[in-house]
Amino acid sequence: VNQSGPGHFHSWTYNDASVPAPYGRHCWADTSFTWQGRGGAKGQVSGRGPGFPLAPALPSRFTNHHLTSLRQVAYEPQLGTLVSTPVVELAMLRNGTLAREHGRVLSPSAPLLVAGTGAPADASTSDVVVTIGVPSLAAGEHAAVGVRVLANVSEDGRPFGGILTVVNFTARDANGTMRALASVRTLDPCATAGGSSGLSTASLPILASERALDMRLLVDRSTVEVFLMGGRVVFSATYSPSVLYVPDTHVALHAWGVATTNASVDVYSMGCGWTDPPYNDKPGMG
């Protein structure tokens, strides 16, 4: 067992020679003691406040239950339904801007890797705000966009691993409404043939007057929350790949089918919401 990074338990890795290269002998890690000491991490979730408990299926006695952020529920009159969004006070915990990309084109052949979100920077506790233009599609055409967080980057500069949120677009109906299908999944970085787990899906409408898709992702160490179109769809996921490893914190944007124009992303670093943090910043082995 080896500790990497200064301080207490920033990242524990377990020597496992059975994992294929390039992950062999450095593939297992506990995602709550993580991100290699960047940003002053002390091995705890940032704890933005009490929320809904999530019990991740992680093979480690170090990882305990995680909490989502507080949410507020509102009525959306255009759809006649309730939506769920983070409480507005959460934005007050933003303590810096890690990255800002506006007016970008997303190409199916080349993911947009957002500079300033991976090592040596730390986006393991971040507020990711994305706006992407909705493509105009004819009947029978399909397109999709995605946002990946907690990703690593290969030697040739392509993202792998992490948690991926995808929105699939279809042609609008006679009233101009588009029925989009959203999904979230954990990507397995150590599988020789790729693979994913923890897939969740939900559909949402994009109205005739709406020309952009908005997404907000709250990343809190090993908990990721996704809010689409002002809370019409909400996903909560724990970061639990089938093979644990030492993750990075890159953010990447993807497109499939057709190029998507006018993509913007802002990534904010987040501080802690506890005035008296209920965690142990010097955890032991007992």
Protein backbone atom coordinates (compact mmCIF):
# COMPACT_ATOMS: atom_id res chain seq x y z
CA VAL A 1 0.00 0.00 0.00
CA ASN A 2 1.43 3.36 -0.98
CA GLN A 3 0.37 6.86 -0.07
CA SER A 4 0.79 9.43 -2.84
CA GLY A 5 0.84 13.16 -2.21
CA PRO A 6 1.63 15.05 0.96
CA GLY A 7 -0.45 14.93 4.11
CA HIS A 8 -2.94 12.37 5.31
CA PHE A 9 -4.41 9.77 2.97
CA HIS A 10 -4.71 11.99 -0.08
CA SER A 11 -4.60 8.97 -2.35
CA TRP A 12 -4.05 5.34 -1.44
CA THR A 13 -3.10 2.99 -4.25
CA TYR A 14 -2.92 -0.76 -4.07
CA ASN A 15 -0.28 -2.79 -5.85
CA ASP A 16 -2.15 -5.07 -8.27
CA ALA A 17 0.00 -6.59 -11.00
CA SER A 18 -2.98 -8.43 -12.53
CA VAL A 19 -4.43 -5.31 -14.15
CA PRO A 20 -3.40 -4.82 -17.80
CA ALA A 21 -1.14 -1.92 -18.78
CA PRO A 22 -1.19 1.02 -18.51
CA TYR A 23 -3.10 0.59 -15.23
CA GLY A 24 -1.24 -2.38 -13.81
CA ARG A 25 0.25 -1.96 -10.33
CA HIS A 26 -1.51 1.40 -9.93
CA CYS A 27 -5.18 0.83 -10.55
CA TRP A 28 -6.99 0.47 -7.22
CA ALA A 29 -7.80 3.51 -5.17
CA ASP A 30 -10.43 4.74 -2.78
CA THR A 31 -12.27 7.60 -4.43
CA SER A 32 -13.01 9.39 -1.18
CA PHE A 33 -9.30 9.81 -0.36
CA THR A 34 -8.42 11.22 -3.64
CA TRP A 35 -7.17 13.55 -6.29
CA GLN A 36 -3.55 13.30 -5.31
CA GLY A 37 -3.51 16.07 -2.75
CA ARG A 38 -4.53 18.83 -5.15
CA GLY A 39 -6.57 21.74 -3.87
CA GLY A 40 -5.73 20.92 -0.26
CA ALA A 41 -7.91 17.79 -0.27
CA LYS A 42 -8.08 16.01 3.07
CA GLY A 43 -9.84 12.84 2.01
CA GLN A 44 -13.42 13.91 2.61
CA VAL A 45 -16.37 14.90 0.52
CA SER A 46 -16.66 18.67 0.51
CA GLY A 47 -19.89 18.46 2.49
CA ARG A 48 -21.97 21.24 1.00
CA GLY A 49 -24.71 20.48 3.47
CA PRO A 50 -27.19 17.74 4.36
CA GLY A 51 -29.15 16.21 1.51
CA PHE A 52 -30.33 12.83 0.32
CA PRO A 53 -28.17 9.86 1.39
CA LEU A 54 -26.58 7.74 -1.31
CA ALA A 55 -25.01 4.39 -0.47
CA PRO A 56 -22.31 3.69 -3.06
CA ALA A 57 -21.38 0.10 -3.82
CA LEU A 58 -17.66 0.67 -3.41
CA PRO A 59 -15.39 -2.16 -2.24
CA SER A 60 -13.78 -0.18 0.53
CA ARG A 61 -14.42 0.22 4.21
CA PHE A 62 -13.10 3.78 3.97
CA THR A 63 -16.01 4.97 1.83
CA ASN A 64 -19.20 5.74 3.72
CA HIS A 65 -22.59 7.11 2.75
CA HIS A 66 -22.60 10.26 0.65
CA LEU A 67 -25.04 13.16 0.69
CA THR A 68 -26.54 15.08 -2.18
CA SER A 69 -26.85 18.85 -2.02
CA LEU A 70 -29.98 20.58 -0.79
CA ARG A 71 -32.59 21.13 -3.49
CA GLN A 72 -35.58 23.35 -4.05
CA VAL A 73 -38.76 22.33 -5.85
CA ALA A 74 -40.71 24.70 -8.09
CA TYR A 75 -43.70 24.54 -10.41
CA GLU A 76 -43.02 24.98 -14.13
CA PRO A 77 -46.25 26.34 -15.66
CA GLN A 78 -45.28 25.66 -19.29
CA LEU A 79 -45.14 21.93 -18.58
CA GLY A 80 -47.54 21.78 -15.64
CA THR A 81 -45.06 19.84 -13.57
CA LEU A 82 -42.57 20.18 -10.74
CA VAL A 83 -38.85 20.70 -11.28
CA SER A 84 -35.97 20.28 -8.85
CA THR A 85 -32.88 22.49 -8.72
CA PRO A 86 -30.02 23.13 -6.28
CA VAL A 87 -30.76 25.80 -3.70
CA VAL A 88 -29.62 29.21 -4.94
CA GLU A 89 -27.29 29.61 -1.94
CA LEU A 90 -25.11 26.84 -3.32
CA ALA A 91 -23.61 29.27 -5.83
CA MET A 92 -22.22 31.24 -2.87
CA LEU A 93 -19.76 28.40 -2.28
CA ARG A 94 -18.02 29.06 -5.59
CA ASN A 95 -14.55 30.27 -4.72
CA GLY A 96 -12.88 30.50 -8.10
CA THR A 97 -13.17 29.87 -11.84
CA LEU A 98 -11.22 26.87 -13.10
CA ALA A 99 -12.22 27.12 -16.75
CA ARG A 100 -14.36 29.10 -19.17
CA GLU A 101 -15.02 28.11 -22.80
CA HIS A 102 -17.67 29.97 -24.81
CA GLY A 103 -18.85 29.82 -28.42
CA ARG A 104 -17.19 26.47 -29.16
CA VAL A 105 -18.15 23.94 -31.83
CA LEU A 106 -18.44 20.31 -30.71
CA SER A 107 -17.27 17.90 -33.37
CA PRO A 108 -18.14 14.17 -33.36
CA SER A 109 -14.53 13.42 -34.24
CA ALA A 110 -12.87 15.33 -31.40
CA PRO A 111 -14.13 15.74 -27.80
CA LEU A 112 -13.57 19.16 -26.28
CA LEU A 113 -11.22 18.70 -23.33
CA VAL A 114 -11.77 21.69 -21.05
CA ALA A 115 -8.37 23.12 -20.17
CA GLY A 116 -7.70 23.87 -16.51
CA THR A 117 -9.87 21.12 -15.03
CA GLY A 118 -7.36 18.27 -14.65
CA ALA A 119 -4.01 17.88 -12.93
CA PRO A 120 -2.41 19.98 -11.60
CA ALA A 121 -5.80 21.72 -11.18
CA ASP A 122 -8.52 20.08 -9.08
CA ALA A 123 -12.14 19.91 -10.26
CA SER A 124 -13.10 17.13 -7.86
CA THR A 125 -15.40 19.59 -6.07
CA SER A 126 -16.83 21.80 -8.77
CA ASP A 127 -19.93 23.41 -10.22
CA VAL A 128 -20.03 22.76 -13.98
CA VAL A 129 -22.47 24.89 -15.99
CA VAL A 130 -22.94 23.93 -19.65
CA THR A 131 -25.08 25.40 -22.44
CA ILE A 132 -25.21 23.70 -25.85
CA GLY A 133 -27.20 24.70 -28.91
CA VAL A 134 -29.99 22.26 -29.84
CA PRO A 135 -29.37 20.96 -33.38
CA SER A 136 -32.03 21.24 -36.08
CA LEU A 137 -32.84 17.71 -37.20
CA ALA A 138 -35.01 16.36 -39.98
CA ALA A 139 -37.31 13.39 -39.46
CA GLY A 140 -35.25 10.29 -38.86
CA GLU A 141 -32.06 12.17 -37.98
CA HIS A 142 -30.44 11.80 -34.59
CA ALA A 143 -27.72 13.58 -32.65
CA ALA A 144 -26.38 13.59 -29.11
CA VAL A 145 -24.17 15.61 -26.81
CA GLY A 146 -22.43 14.63 -23.60
CA VAL A 147 -20.54 16.02 -20.64
CA ARG A 148 -17.92 13.92 -18.87
CA VAL A 149 -16.54 14.73 -15.41
CA LEU A 150 -13.83 13.10 -13.26
CA ALA A 151 -12.10 11.93 -16.43
CA ASN A 152 -8.51 10.93 -17.09
CA VAL A 153 -6.69 11.76 -20.33
CA SER A 154 -4.76 9.31 -22.48
CA GLU A 155 -1.34 9.94 -23.94
CA ASP A 156 -2.94 11.02 -27.23
CA GLY A 157 -5.10 13.58 -25.43
CA ARG A 158 -8.46 11.78 -25.37
CA PRO A 159 -10.60 11.56 -22.21
CA PHE A 160 -11.42 8.19 -20.66
CA GLY A 161 -13.17 7.01 -17.53
CA GLY A 162 -15.27 9.28 -15.33
CA ILE A 163 -19.02 9.86 -15.25
CA LEU A 164 -20.73 10.65 -18.57
CA THR A 165 -24.08 12.40 -19.05
CA VAL A 166 -25.58 12.13 -22.54
CA VAL A 167 -28.61 13.84 -24.10
CA ASN A 168 -29.98 12.31 -27.32
CA PHE A 169 -31.87 14.66 -29.65
CA THR A 170 -34.58 13.81 -32.17
CA ALA A 171 -36.54 15.82 -34.72
CA ARG A 172 -39.16 18.21 -33.33
CA ASP A 173 -42.82 17.28 -33.65
CA ALA A 174 -45.54 19.29 -35.40
CA ASN A 175 -45.77 21.59 -32.38
CA GLY A 176 -42.04 22.20 -32.34
CA THR A 177 -41.43 20.15 -29.20
CA MET A 178 -38.47 17.79 -29.08
CA ARG A 179 -38.48 14.67 -26.91
CA ALA A 180 -34.92 14.18 -25.71
CA LEU A 181 -33.57 11.13 -23.91
CA ALA A 182 -31.00 11.74 -21.17
CA SER A 183 -28.73 9.21 -19.48
CA VAL A 184 -25.88 9.01 -17.00
CA ARG A 185 -23.35 6.22 -16.53
CA THR A 186 -19.96 5.44 -15.00
CA LEU A 187 -17.30 4.61 -17.57
CA ASP A 188 -14.85 1.85 -16.72
CA PRO A 189 -11.31 3.03 -17.56
CA CYS A 190 -9.62 -0.29 -16.90
CA ALA A 191 -11.76 -2.53 -19.10
CA THR A 192 -9.80 -3.65 -22.15
CA ALA A 193 -12.89 -3.26 -24.38
CA GLY A 194 -14.44 -0.26 -22.69
CA GLY A 195 -17.69 -0.67 -20.79
CA SER A 196 -19.90 1.19 -18.37
CA SER A 197 -22.11 0.62 -15.35
CA GLY A 198 -24.84 2.31 -13.34
CA LEU A 199 -26.88 3.43 -16.36
CA SER A 200 -29.92 5.62 -15.61
CA THR A 201 -32.20 7.17 -18.24
CA ALA A 202 -35.03 9.71 -18.35
CA SER A 203 -36.86 11.64 -21.06
CA LEU A 204 -37.48 15.38 -21.12
CA PRO A 205 -39.18 17.86 -23.44
CA ILE A 206 -37.39 20.73 -25.19
CA LEU A 207 -40.03 23.28 -26.11
CA ALA A 208 -40.46 25.01 -29.45
CA SER A 209 -39.13 28.31 -28.12
CA GLU A 210 -36.02 26.71 -26.61
CA ARG A 211 -32.90 26.65 -28.75
CA ALA A 212 -30.33 25.64 -26.13
CA LEU A 213 -29.84 22.76 -23.74
CA ASP A 214 -28.68 23.75 -20.28
CA MET A 215 -26.92 21.35 -17.95
CA ARG A 216 -25.52 21.80 -14.47
CA LEU A 217 -23.31 19.20 -12.84
CA LEU A 218 -22.31 19.33 -9.17
CA VAL A 219 -19.20 17.27 -8.58
CA ASP A 220 -18.38 16.46 -4.95
CA ARG A 221 -15.53 13.94 -4.86
CA SER A 222 -17.36 10.65 -5.49
CA THR A 223 -20.88 12.12 -5.77
CA VAL A 224 -22.13 13.70 -9.00
CA GLU A 225 -25.50 15.39 -9.45
CA VAL A 226 -26.87 16.41 -12.85
CA PHE A 227 -29.66 18.92 -13.49
CA LEU A 228 -31.03 19.26 -17.03
CA MET A 229 -33.15 22.13 -18.37
CA GLY A 230 -33.71 23.75 -15.01
CA GLY A 231 -34.42 20.49 -13.19
CA ARG A 232 -36.79 18.76 -15.61
CA VAL A 233 -34.49 15.75 -15.22
CA VAL A 234 -32.20 15.18 -12.23
CA PHE A 235 -29.65 12.40 -11.82
CA SER A 236 -27.69 11.53 -8.68
CA ALA A 237 -24.78 9.12 -9.02
CA THR A 238 -21.95 7.86 -6.89
CA TYR A 239 -18.62 7.43 -8.59
CA SER A 240 -18.27 3.66 -8.50
CA PRO A 241 -16.49 2.15 -11.51
CA SER A 242 -16.33 -1.64 -11.54
CA VAL A 243 -12.56 -1.33 -11.14
CA LEU A 244 -11.41 1.46 -8.85
CA TYR A 245 -8.34 3.42 -9.89
CA VAL A 246 -6.66 6.77 -9.37
CA PRO A 247 -8.95 9.19 -11.21
CA ASP A 248 -8.25 12.64 -12.52
CA THR A 249 -10.76 15.49 -12.64
CA HIS A 250 -10.91 16.57 -16.29
CA VAL A 251 -14.15 17.89 -17.80
CA ALA A 252 -14.87 17.06 -21.45
CA LEU A 253 -17.71 17.82 -23.88
CA HIS A 254 -18.77 15.39 -26.62
CA ALA A 255 -20.96 15.33 -29.72
CA TRP A 256 -22.28 12.43 -31.78
CA GLY A 257 -24.09 12.42 -35.09
CA VAL A 258 -23.70 16.05 -36.17
CA ALA A 259 -21.51 18.93 -35.10
CA THR A 260 -23.11 21.11 -32.44
CA THR A 261 -22.49 24.84 -32.40
CA ASN A 262 -22.49 27.47 -29.68
CA ALA A 263 -21.33 25.29 -26.79
CA SER A 264 -20.29 27.04 -23.57
CA VAL A 265 -18.95 25.68 -20.29
CA ASP A 266 -17.99 27.36 -17.02
CA VAL A 267 -16.29 25.32 -14.30
CA TYR A 268 -16.21 26.81 -10.79
CA SER A 269 -14.24 25.45 -7.85
CA MET A 270 -16.30 24.96 -4.70
CA GLY A 271 -15.62 25.54 -1.04
CA CYS A 272 -17.04 23.69 1.95
CA GLY A 273 -20.54 24.42 3.20
CA TRP A 274 -19.96 23.29 6.78
CA THR A 275 -19.04 25.87 9.40
CA ASP A 276 -18.00 22.99 11.68
CA PRO A 277 -16.99 20.16 9.30
CA PRO A 278 -18.32 16.77 10.52
CA TYR A 279 -15.37 14.84 9.12
CA ASN A 280 -12.00 13.74 10.37
CA ASP A 281 -9.26 15.49 8.39
CA LYS A 282 -6.68 13.02 9.73
CA PRO A 283 -8.30 9.63 9.27
CA GLY A 284 -6.58 6.53 10.55
CA MET A 285 -6.61 2.90 9.63
CA GLY A 286 -8.74 1.85 12.59
